[in-house]
PDB file of N, CA and C in Angstrom:
ATOM      1  N   MET A   1      18.764  36.520  17.617  1.00  0.00           N
ATOM      2  CA  MET A   1      18.287  35.392  18.353  1.00  0.00           C
ATOM      3  C   MET A   1      19.019  35.274  19.693  1.00  0.00           C
ATOM      4  N   ALA A   2      20.295  35.582  19.701  1.00  0.00           N
ATOM      5  CA  ALA A   2      21.056  35.509  20.947  1.00  0.00           C
ATOM      6  C   ALA A   2      20.448  36.429  22.001  1.00  0.00           C
ATOM      7  N   ALA A   3      20.043  37.613  21.577  1.00  0.00           N
ATOM      8  CA  ALA A   3      19.426  38.559  22.518  1.00  0.00           C
ATOM      9  C   ALA A   3      18.146  37.973  23.103  1.00  0.00           C
ATOM     10  N   HIS A   4      17.404  37.307  22.280  1.00  0.00           N
ATOM     11  CA  HIS A   4      16.168  36.684  22.768  1.00  0.00           C
ATOM     12  C   HIS A   4      16.486  35.623  23.827  1.00  0.00           C
ATOM     13  N   LEU A   5      17.442  34.772  23.532  1.00  0.00           N
ATOM     14  CA  LEU A   5      17.775  33.689  24.466  1.00  0.00           C
ATOM     15  C   LEU A   5      18.344  34.213  25.780  1.00  0.00           C
ATOM     16  N   GLU A   6      19.071  35.318  25.722  1.00  0.00           N
ATOM     17  CA  GLU A   6      19.693  35.851  26.924  1.00  0.00           C
ATOM     18  C   GLU A   6      18.756  36.699  27.780  1.00  0.00           C
ATOM     19  N   PHE A   7      17.833  37.414  27.155  1.00  0.00           N
ATOM     20  CA  PHE A   7      17.060  38.389  27.906  1.00  0.00           C
ATOM     21  C   PHE A   7      15.546  38.186  27.918  1.00  0.00           C
ATOM     22  N   SER A   8      15.038  37.374  27.046  1.00  0.00           N
ATOM     23  CA  SER A   8      13.587  37.180  26.982  1.00  0.00           C
ATOM     24  C   SER A   8      13.139  36.251  28.102  1.00  0.00           C
ATOM     25  N   ARG A   9      12.013  36.585  28.689  1.00  0.00           N
ATOM     26  CA  ARG A   9      11.496  35.662  29.702  1.00  0.00           C
ATOM     27  C   ARG A   9      10.826  34.496  28.987  1.00  0.00           C
ATOM     28  N   TYR A  10      10.832  33.371  29.604  1.00  0.00           N
ATOM     29  CA  TYR A  10      10.280  32.156  29.019  1.00  0.00           C
ATOM     30  C   TYR A  10       8.765  32.267  28.944  1.00  0.00           C
ATOM     31  N   ARG A  11       8.219  32.088  27.746  1.00  0.00           N
ATOM     32  CA  ARG A  11       6.777  32.214  27.561  1.00  0.00           C
ATOM     33  C   ARG A  11       6.187  30.984  26.899  1.00  0.00           C
ATOM     34  N   GLY A  12       6.865  29.884  26.945  1.00  0.00           N
ATOM     35  CA  GLY A  12       6.377  28.686  26.277  1.00  0.00           C
ATOM     36  C   GLY A  12       6.127  27.572  27.261  1.00  0.00           C
ATOM     37  N   GLY A  13       5.544  26.548  26.781  1.00  0.00           N
ATOM     38  CA  GLY A  13       5.298  25.396  27.613  1.00  0.00           C
ATOM     39  C   GLY A  13       4.465  24.380  26.873  1.00  0.00           C
ATOM     40  N   VAL A  14       4.396  23.206  27.418  1.00  0.00           N
ATOM     41  CA  VAL A  14       3.596  22.143  26.819  1.00  0.00           C
ATOM     42  C   VAL A  14       2.304  22.017  27.600  1.00  0.00           C
ATOM     43  N   ILE A  15       1.207  21.990  26.872  1.00  0.00           N
ATOM     44  CA  ILE A  15      -0.098  21.807  27.481  1.00  0.00           C
ATOM     45  C   ILE A  15      -0.916  20.921  26.546  1.00  0.00           C
ATOM     46  N   PHE A  16      -1.751  20.125  27.111  1.00  0.00           N
ATOM     47  CA  PHE A  16      -2.603  19.243  26.326  1.00  0.00           C
ATOM     48  C   PHE A  16      -4.020  19.789  26.325  1.00  0.00           C
ATOM     49  N   ALA A  17      -4.716  19.580  25.208  1.00  0.00           N
ATOM     50  CA  ALA A  17      -6.073  20.113  25.059  1.00  0.00           C
ATOM     51  C   ALA A  17      -6.967  19.724  26.228  1.00  0.00           C
ATOM     52  N   LYS A  18      -6.831  18.511  26.712  1.00  0.00           N
ATOM     53  CA  LYS A  18      -7.699  18.051  27.805  1.00  0.00           C
ATOM     54  C   LYS A  18      -7.413  18.772  29.124  1.00  0.00           C
ATOM     55  N   GLN A  19      -6.307  19.510  29.212  1.00  0.00           N
ATOM     56  CA  GLN A  19      -5.981  20.257  30.419  1.00  0.00           C
ATOM     57  C   GLN A  19      -6.679  21.612  30.471  1.00  0.00           C
ATOM     58  N   ILE A  20      -7.219  22.046  29.352  1.00  0.00           N
ATOM     59  CA  ILE A  20      -7.854  23.357  29.280  1.00  0.00           C
ATOM     60  C   ILE A  20      -9.363  23.190  29.405  1.00  0.00           C
ATOM     61  N   PRO A  21      -9.976  23.797  30.406  1.00  0.00           N
ATOM     62  CA  PRO A  21     -11.432  23.700  30.540  1.00  0.00           C
ATOM     63  C   PRO A  21     -12.121  24.249  29.285  1.00  0.00           C
ATOM     64  N   ARG A  22     -13.169  23.573  28.860  1.00  0.00           N
ATOM     65  CA  ARG A  22     -13.884  23.931  27.635  1.00  0.00           C
ATOM     66  C   ARG A  22     -14.266  25.409  27.577  1.00  0.00           C
ATOM     67  N   GLU A  23     -14.673  25.979  28.702  1.00  0.00           N
ATOM     68  CA  GLU A  23     -15.110  27.380  28.707  1.00  0.00           C
ATOM     69  C   GLU A  23     -13.957  28.362  28.480  1.00  0.00           C
ATOM     70  N   HIS A  24     -12.729  27.896  28.564  1.00  0.00           N
ATOM     71  CA  HIS A  24     -11.572  28.778  28.363  1.00  0.00           C
ATOM     72  C   HIS A  24     -11.105  28.821  26.918  1.00  0.00           C
ATOM     73  N   TRP A  25     -11.575  27.900  26.083  1.00  0.00           N
ATOM     74  CA  TRP A  25     -11.105  27.822  24.702  1.00  0.00           C
ATOM     75  C   TRP A  25     -11.366  29.104  23.921  1.00  0.00           C
ATOM     76  N   LYS A  26     -12.393  29.861  24.287  1.00  0.00           N
ATOM     77  CA  LYS A  26     -12.713  31.096  23.557  1.00  0.00           C
ATOM     78  C   LYS A  26     -11.617  32.154  23.710  1.00  0.00           C
ATOM     79  N   HIS A  27     -10.740  31.986  24.671  1.00  0.00           N
ATOM     80  CA  HIS A  27      -9.667  32.951  24.908  1.00  0.00           C
ATOM     81  C   HIS A  27      -8.406  32.662  24.095  1.00  0.00           C
ATOM     82  N   PHE A  28      -8.384  31.563  23.380  1.00  0.00           N
ATOM     83  CA  PHE A  28      -7.190  31.130  22.649  1.00  0.00           C
ATOM     84  C   PHE A  28      -7.393  31.171  21.146  1.00  0.00           C
ATOM     85  N   LEU A  29      -6.305  31.382  20.440  1.00  0.00           N
ATOM     86  CA  LEU A  29      -6.244  31.100  19.017  1.00  0.00           C
ATOM     87  C   LEU A  29      -5.406  29.833  18.908  1.00  0.00           C
ATOM     88  N   VAL A  30      -5.967  28.786  18.354  1.00  0.00           N
ATOM     89  CA  VAL A  30      -5.254  27.520  18.207  1.00  0.00           C
ATOM     90  C   VAL A  30      -4.809  27.390  16.756  1.00  0.00           C
ATOM     91  N   ILE A  31      -3.511  27.220  16.566  1.00  0.00           N
ATOM     92  CA  ILE A  31      -2.945  27.034  15.228  1.00  0.00           C
ATOM     93  C   ILE A  31      -2.415  25.614  15.132  1.00  0.00           C
ATOM     94  N   ASN A  32      -2.974  24.858  14.203  1.00  0.00           N
ATOM     95  CA  ASN A  32      -2.495  23.512  13.927  1.00  0.00           C
ATOM     96  C   ASN A  32      -1.434  23.650  12.841  1.00  0.00           C
ATOM     97  N   THR A  33      -0.215  23.211  13.120  1.00  0.00           N
ATOM     98  CA  THR A  33       0.915  23.441  12.213  1.00  0.00           C
ATOM     99  C   THR A  33       1.188  22.272  11.268  1.00  0.00           C
ATOM    100  N   ARG A  34       0.308  21.279  11.280  1.00  0.00           N
ATOM    101  CA  ARG A  34       0.509  20.132  10.391  1.00  0.00           C
ATOM    102  C   ARG A  34       0.107  20.496   8.960  1.00  0.00           C
ATOM    103  N   ASP A  35       0.388  19.595   8.012  1.00  0.00           N
ATOM    104  CA  ASP A  35      -0.003  19.883   6.633  1.00  0.00           C
ATOM    105  C   ASP A  35      -1.517  19.747   6.483  1.00  0.00           C
ATOM    106  N   ALA A  36      -2.030  20.242   5.372  1.00  0.00           N
ATOM    107  CA  ALA A  36      -3.476  20.314   5.158  1.00  0.00           C
ATOM    108  C   ALA A  36      -4.155  18.949   5.223  1.00  0.00           C
ATOM    109  N   ALA A  37      -3.519  17.920   4.697  1.00  0.00           N
ATOM    110  CA  ALA A  37      -4.119  16.580   4.715  1.00  0.00           C
ATOM    111  C   ALA A  37      -4.269  16.065   6.147  1.00  0.00           C
ATOM    112  N   GLN A  38      -3.245  16.265   6.964  1.00  0.00           N
ATOM    113  CA  GLN A  38      -3.324  15.835   8.358  1.00  0.00           C
ATOM    114  C   GLN A  38      -4.387  16.632   9.105  1.00  0.00           C
ATOM    115  N   TYR A  39      -4.457  17.927   8.858  1.00  0.00           N
ATOM    116  CA  TYR A  39      -5.457  18.790   9.484  1.00  0.00           C
ATOM    117  C   TYR A  39      -6.867  18.316   9.117  1.00  0.00           C
ATOM    118  N   THR A  40      -7.076  18.000   7.850  1.00  0.00           N
ATOM    119  CA  THR A  40      -8.381  17.546   7.378  1.00  0.00           C
ATOM    120  C   THR A  40      -8.782  16.231   8.033  1.00  0.00           C
ATOM    121  N   ASN A  41      -7.815  15.376   8.310  1.00  0.00           N
ATOM    122  CA  ASN A  41      -8.108  14.081   8.936  1.00  0.00           C
ATOM    123  C   ASN A  41      -8.520  14.200  10.397  1.00  0.00           C
ATOM    124  N   GLY A  42      -8.294  15.347  11.011  1.00  0.00           N
ATOM    125  CA  GLY A  42      -8.698  15.548  12.401  1.00  0.00           C
ATOM    126  C   GLY A  42      -7.881  16.631  13.066  1.00  0.00           C
ATOM    127  N   HIS A  43      -8.568  17.482  13.819  1.00  0.00           N
ATOM    128  CA  HIS A  43      -7.888  18.572  14.514  1.00  0.00           C
ATOM    129  C   HIS A  43      -8.734  19.035  15.699  1.00  0.00           C
ATOM    130  N   THR A  44      -8.114  19.820  16.547  1.00  0.00           N
ATOM    131  CA  THR A  44      -8.793  20.403  17.694  1.00  0.00           C
ATOM    132  C   THR A  44      -9.910  21.316  17.180  1.00  0.00           C
ATOM    133  N   PRO A  45     -11.118  21.182  17.705  1.00  0.00           N
ATOM    134  CA  PRO A  45     -12.215  22.053  17.258  1.00  0.00           C
ATOM    135  C   PRO A  45     -11.841  23.531  17.392  1.00  0.00           C
ATOM    136  N   GLY A  46     -12.091  24.291  16.334  1.00  0.00           N
ATOM    137  CA  GLY A  46     -11.799  25.718  16.334  1.00  0.00           C
ATOM    138  C   GLY A  46     -10.396  26.075  15.881  1.00  0.00           C
ATOM    139  N   ALA A  47      -9.534  25.078  15.723  1.00  0.00           N
ATOM    140  CA  ALA A  47      -8.155  25.353  15.304  1.00  0.00           C
ATOM    141  C   ALA A  47      -8.118  25.783  13.844  1.00  0.00           C
ATOM    142  N   ILE A  48      -7.205  26.700  13.547  1.00  0.00           N
ATOM    143  CA  ILE A  48      -6.959  27.058  12.159  1.00  0.00           C
ATOM    144  C   ILE A  48      -5.713  26.321  11.700  1.00  0.00           C
ATOM    145  N   ASN A  49      -5.576  26.141  10.406  1.00  0.00           N
ATOM    146  CA  ASN A  49      -4.433  25.412   9.874  1.00  0.00           C
ATOM    147  C   ASN A  49      -3.482  26.371   9.179  1.00  0.00           C
ATOM    148  N   ILE A  50      -2.271  26.463   9.725  1.00  0.00           N
ATOM    149  CA  ILE A  50      -1.179  27.163   9.045  1.00  0.00           C
ATOM    150  C   ILE A  50      -0.003  26.196   9.080  1.00  0.00           C
ATOM    151  N   ASN A  51       0.377  25.701   7.920  1.00  0.00           N
ATOM    152  CA  ASN A  51       1.495  24.770   7.839  1.00  0.00           C
ATOM    153  C   ASN A  51       2.718  25.377   8.509  1.00  0.00           C
ATOM    154  N   TRP A  52       3.476  24.579   9.223  1.00  0.00           N
ATOM    155  CA  TRP A  52       4.606  25.080  10.002  1.00  0.00           C
ATOM    156  C   TRP A  52       5.591  25.864   9.144  1.00  0.00           C
ATOM    157  N   ARG A  53       5.699  25.515   7.870  1.00  0.00           N
ATOM    158  CA  ARG A  53       6.625  26.236   6.981  1.00  0.00           C
ATOM    159  C   ARG A  53       6.126  27.635   6.635  1.00  0.00           C
ATOM    160  N   GLN A  54       4.846  27.902   6.848  1.00  0.00           N
ATOM    161  CA  GLN A  54       4.241  29.170   6.461  1.00  0.00           C
ATOM    162  C   GLN A  54       3.952  30.107   7.629  1.00  0.00           C
ATOM    163  N   VAL A  55       4.153  29.654   8.849  1.00  0.00           N
ATOM    164  CA  VAL A  55       3.761  30.447  10.013  1.00  0.00           C
ATOM    165  C   VAL A  55       4.484  31.789  10.066  1.00  0.00           C
ATOM    166  N   LEU A  56       5.761  31.817   9.845  1.00  0.00           N
ATOM    167  CA  LEU A  56       6.471  33.105   9.896  1.00  0.00           C
ATOM    168  C   LEU A  56       6.003  34.040   8.793  1.00  0.00           C
ATOM    169  N   ALA A  57       5.761  33.515   7.601  1.00  0.00           N
ATOM    170  CA  ALA A  57       5.283  34.344   6.497  1.00  0.00           C
ATOM    171  C   ALA A  57       3.907  34.935   6.812  1.00  0.00           C
ATOM    172  N   GLN A  58       3.115  34.235   7.612  1.00  0.00           N
ATOM    173  CA  GLN A  58       1.774  34.695   7.957  1.00  0.00           C
ATOM    174  C   GLN A  58       1.693  35.276   9.370  1.00  0.00           C
ATOM    175  N   SER A  59       2.826  35.502   9.990  1.00  0.00           N
ATOM    176  CA  SER A  59       2.830  35.922  11.399  1.00  0.00           C
ATOM    177  C   SER A  59       2.127  37.256  11.639  1.00  0.00           C
ATOM    178  N   THR A  60       2.111  38.144  10.651  1.00  0.00           N
ATOM    179  CA  THR A  60       1.436  39.430  10.860  1.00  0.00           C
ATOM    180  C   THR A  60      -0.079  39.274  10.951  1.00  0.00           C
ATOM    181  N   SER A  61      -0.613  38.139  10.483  1.00  0.00           N
ATOM    182  CA  SER A  61      -2.057  37.911  10.573  1.00  0.00           C
ATOM    183  C   SER A  61      -2.451  37.227  11.885  1.00  0.00           C
ATOM    184  N   ILE A  62      -1.475  36.884  12.695  1.00  0.00           N
ATOM    185  CA  ILE A  62      -1.750  36.237  13.983  1.00  0.00           C
ATOM    186  C   ILE A  62      -1.931  37.330  15.030  1.00  0.00           C
ATOM    187  N   PRO A  63      -3.113  37.389  15.655  1.00  0.00           N
ATOM    188  CA  PRO A  63      -3.370  38.477  16.610  1.00  0.00           C
ATOM    189  C   PRO A  63      -2.418  38.451  17.797  1.00  0.00           C
ATOM    190  N   ARG A  64      -2.077  39.640  18.276  1.00  0.00           N
ATOM    191  CA  ARG A  64      -1.208  39.770  19.444  1.00  0.00           C
ATOM    192  C   ARG A  64      -2.009  39.922  20.734  1.00  0.00           C
ATOM    193  N   ASP A  65      -3.316  40.083  20.621  1.00  0.00           N
ATOM    194  CA  ASP A  65      -4.133  40.302  21.809  1.00  0.00           C
ATOM    195  C   ASP A  65      -4.822  39.031  22.310  1.00  0.00           C
ATOM    196  N   LYS A  66      -4.404  37.885  21.807  1.00  0.00           N
ATOM    197  CA  LYS A  66      -4.951  36.600  22.229  1.00  0.00           C
ATOM    198  C   LYS A  66      -3.806  35.650  22.539  1.00  0.00           C
ATOM    199  N   LEU A  67      -4.045  34.747  23.459  1.00  0.00           N
ATOM    200  CA  LEU A  67      -3.071  33.693  23.690  1.00  0.00           C
ATOM    201  C   LEU A  67      -3.095  32.766  22.482  1.00  0.00           C
ATOM    202  N   VAL A  68      -1.927  32.376  22.031  1.00  0.00           N
ATOM    203  CA  VAL A  68      -1.823  31.509  20.858  1.00  0.00           C
ATOM    204  C   VAL A  68      -1.275  30.159  21.301  1.00  0.00           C
ATOM    205  N   LEU A  69      -1.993  29.111  20.913  1.00  0.00           N
ATOM    206  CA  LEU A  69      -1.533  27.750  21.138  1.00  0.00           C
ATOM    207  C   LEU A  69      -1.194  27.162  19.786  1.00  0.00           C
ATOM    208  N   VAL A  70      -0.021  26.589  19.663  1.00  0.00           N
ATOM    209  CA  VAL A  70       0.344  25.912  18.424  1.00  0.00           C
ATOM    210  C   VAL A  70       0.427  24.427  18.705  1.00  0.00           C
ATOM    211  N   CYS A  71      -0.088  23.635  17.775  1.00  0.00           N
ATOM    212  CA  CYS A  71      -0.098  22.189  17.987  1.00  0.00           C
ATOM    213  C   CYS A  71       0.277  21.457  16.710  1.00  0.00           C
ATOM    214  N   CYS A  72       0.710  20.224  16.886  1.00  0.00           N
ATOM    215  CA  CYS A  72       1.042  19.330  15.780  1.00  0.00           C
ATOM    216  C   CYS A  72       0.825  17.907  16.293  1.00  0.00           C
ATOM    217  N   ASN A  73       1.461  16.934  15.690  1.00  0.00           N
ATOM    218  CA  ASN A  73       1.283  15.550  16.135  1.00  0.00           C
ATOM    219  C   ASN A  73       2.012  15.232  17.436  1.00  0.00           C
ATOM    220  N   ALA A  74       3.266  15.633  17.519  1.00  0.00           N
ATOM    221  CA  ALA A  74       4.094  15.205  18.648  1.00  0.00           C
ATOM    222  C   ALA A  74       4.814  16.346  19.354  1.00  0.00           C
ATOM    223  N   SER A  75       4.398  17.573  19.122  1.00  0.00           N
ATOM    224  CA  SER A  75       4.958  18.781  19.743  1.00  0.00           C
ATOM    225  C   SER A  75       6.300  19.223  19.177  1.00  0.00           C
ATOM    226  N   LEU A  76       6.886  18.505  18.251  1.00  0.00           N
ATOM    227  CA  LEU A  76       8.176  18.900  17.699  1.00  0.00           C
ATOM    228  C   LEU A  76       8.035  20.131  16.803  1.00  0.00           C
ATOM    229  N   LEU A  77       7.141  20.074  15.833  1.00  0.00           N
ATOM    230  CA  LEU A  77       6.954  21.226  14.939  1.00  0.00           C
ATOM    231  C   LEU A  77       6.387  22.417  15.683  1.00  0.00           C
ATOM    232  N   SER A  78       5.416  22.171  16.545  1.00  0.00           N
ATOM    233  CA  SER A  78       4.794  23.297  17.254  1.00  0.00           C
ATOM    234  C   SER A  78       5.782  23.974  18.196  1.00  0.00           C
ATOM    235  N   ALA A  79       6.689  23.230  18.786  1.00  0.00           N
ATOM    236  CA  ALA A  79       7.712  23.842  19.646  1.00  0.00           C
ATOM    237  C   ALA A  79       8.617  24.750  18.821  1.00  0.00           C
ATOM    238  N   GLN A  80       8.990  24.309  17.623  1.00  0.00           N
ATOM    239  CA  GLN A  80       9.828  25.130  16.748  1.00  0.00           C
ATOM    240  C   GLN A  80       9.073  26.384  16.304  1.00  0.00           C
ATOM    241  N   VAL A  81       7.801  26.218  15.970  1.00  0.00           N
ATOM    242  CA  VAL A  81       6.984  27.350  15.540  1.00  0.00           C
ATOM    243  C   VAL A  81       6.816  28.348  16.687  1.00  0.00           C
ATOM    244  N   GLY A  82       6.553  27.854  17.882  1.00  0.00           N
ATOM    245  CA  GLY A  82       6.396  28.744  19.038  1.00  0.00           C
ATOM    246  C   GLY A  82       7.649  29.556  19.284  1.00  0.00           C
ATOM    247  N   PHE A  83       8.797  28.916  19.207  1.00  0.00           N
ATOM    248  CA  PHE A  83      10.056  29.621  19.402  1.00  0.00           C
ATOM    249  C   PHE A  83      10.277  30.650  18.297  1.00  0.00           C
ATOM    250  N   ALA A  84      10.033  30.251  17.045  1.00  0.00           N
ATOM    251  CA  ALA A  84      10.220  31.164  15.917  1.00  0.00           C
ATOM    252  C   ALA A  84       9.309  32.386  16.048  1.00  0.00           C
ATOM    253  N   LEU A  85       8.075  32.185  16.466  1.00  0.00           N
ATOM    254  CA  LEU A  85       7.157  33.319  16.638  1.00  0.00           C
ATOM    255  C   LEU A  85       7.642  34.257  17.743  1.00  0.00           C
ATOM    256  N   CYS A  86       8.144  33.700  18.822  1.00  0.00           N
ATOM    257  CA  CYS A  86       8.671  34.556  19.908  1.00  0.00           C
ATOM    258  C   CYS A  86       9.832  35.401  19.391  1.00  0.00           C
ATOM    259  N   VAL A  87      10.741  34.805  18.653  1.00  0.00           N
ATOM    260  CA  VAL A  87      11.898  35.528  18.129  1.00  0.00           C
ATOM    261  C   VAL A  87      11.447  36.569  17.097  1.00  0.00           C
ATOM    262  N   ALA A  88      10.527  36.202  16.229  1.00  0.00           N
ATOM    263  CA  ALA A  88      10.073  37.112  15.173  1.00  0.00           C
ATOM    264  C   ALA A  88       9.315  38.300  15.715  1.00  0.00           C
ATOM    265  N   ARG A  89       8.696  38.153  16.872  1.00  0.00           N
ATOM    266  CA  ARG A  89       7.851  39.205  17.416  1.00  0.00           C
ATOM    267  C   ARG A  89       8.551  40.050  18.467  1.00  0.00           C
ATOM    268  N   LEU A  90       9.852  39.975  18.571  1.00  0.00           N
ATOM    269  CA  LEU A  90      10.589  40.775  19.552  1.00  0.00           C
ATOM    270  C   LEU A  90      10.324  42.251  19.361  1.00  0.00           C
TER     271      LEU A  90
END
């Protein structure tokens, strides 16, 4: 992890769904990191649900040829997931 923090270029950021033009959504894989009940109650159209605790275990099924957006309720879990995916995919 230290190597990642020292040498990896920053590839993360916060973006809101309303900032992305509708025609661009086809270029993204959106992963909702909330639990299944929260996902069922409402989510970004087209988003898949992978609970934040399971993302690393399922990371090999996440395509590398698409931009990946991770989301949750308040960006706390998704920020952790985004960082973990960057470190895991070094």
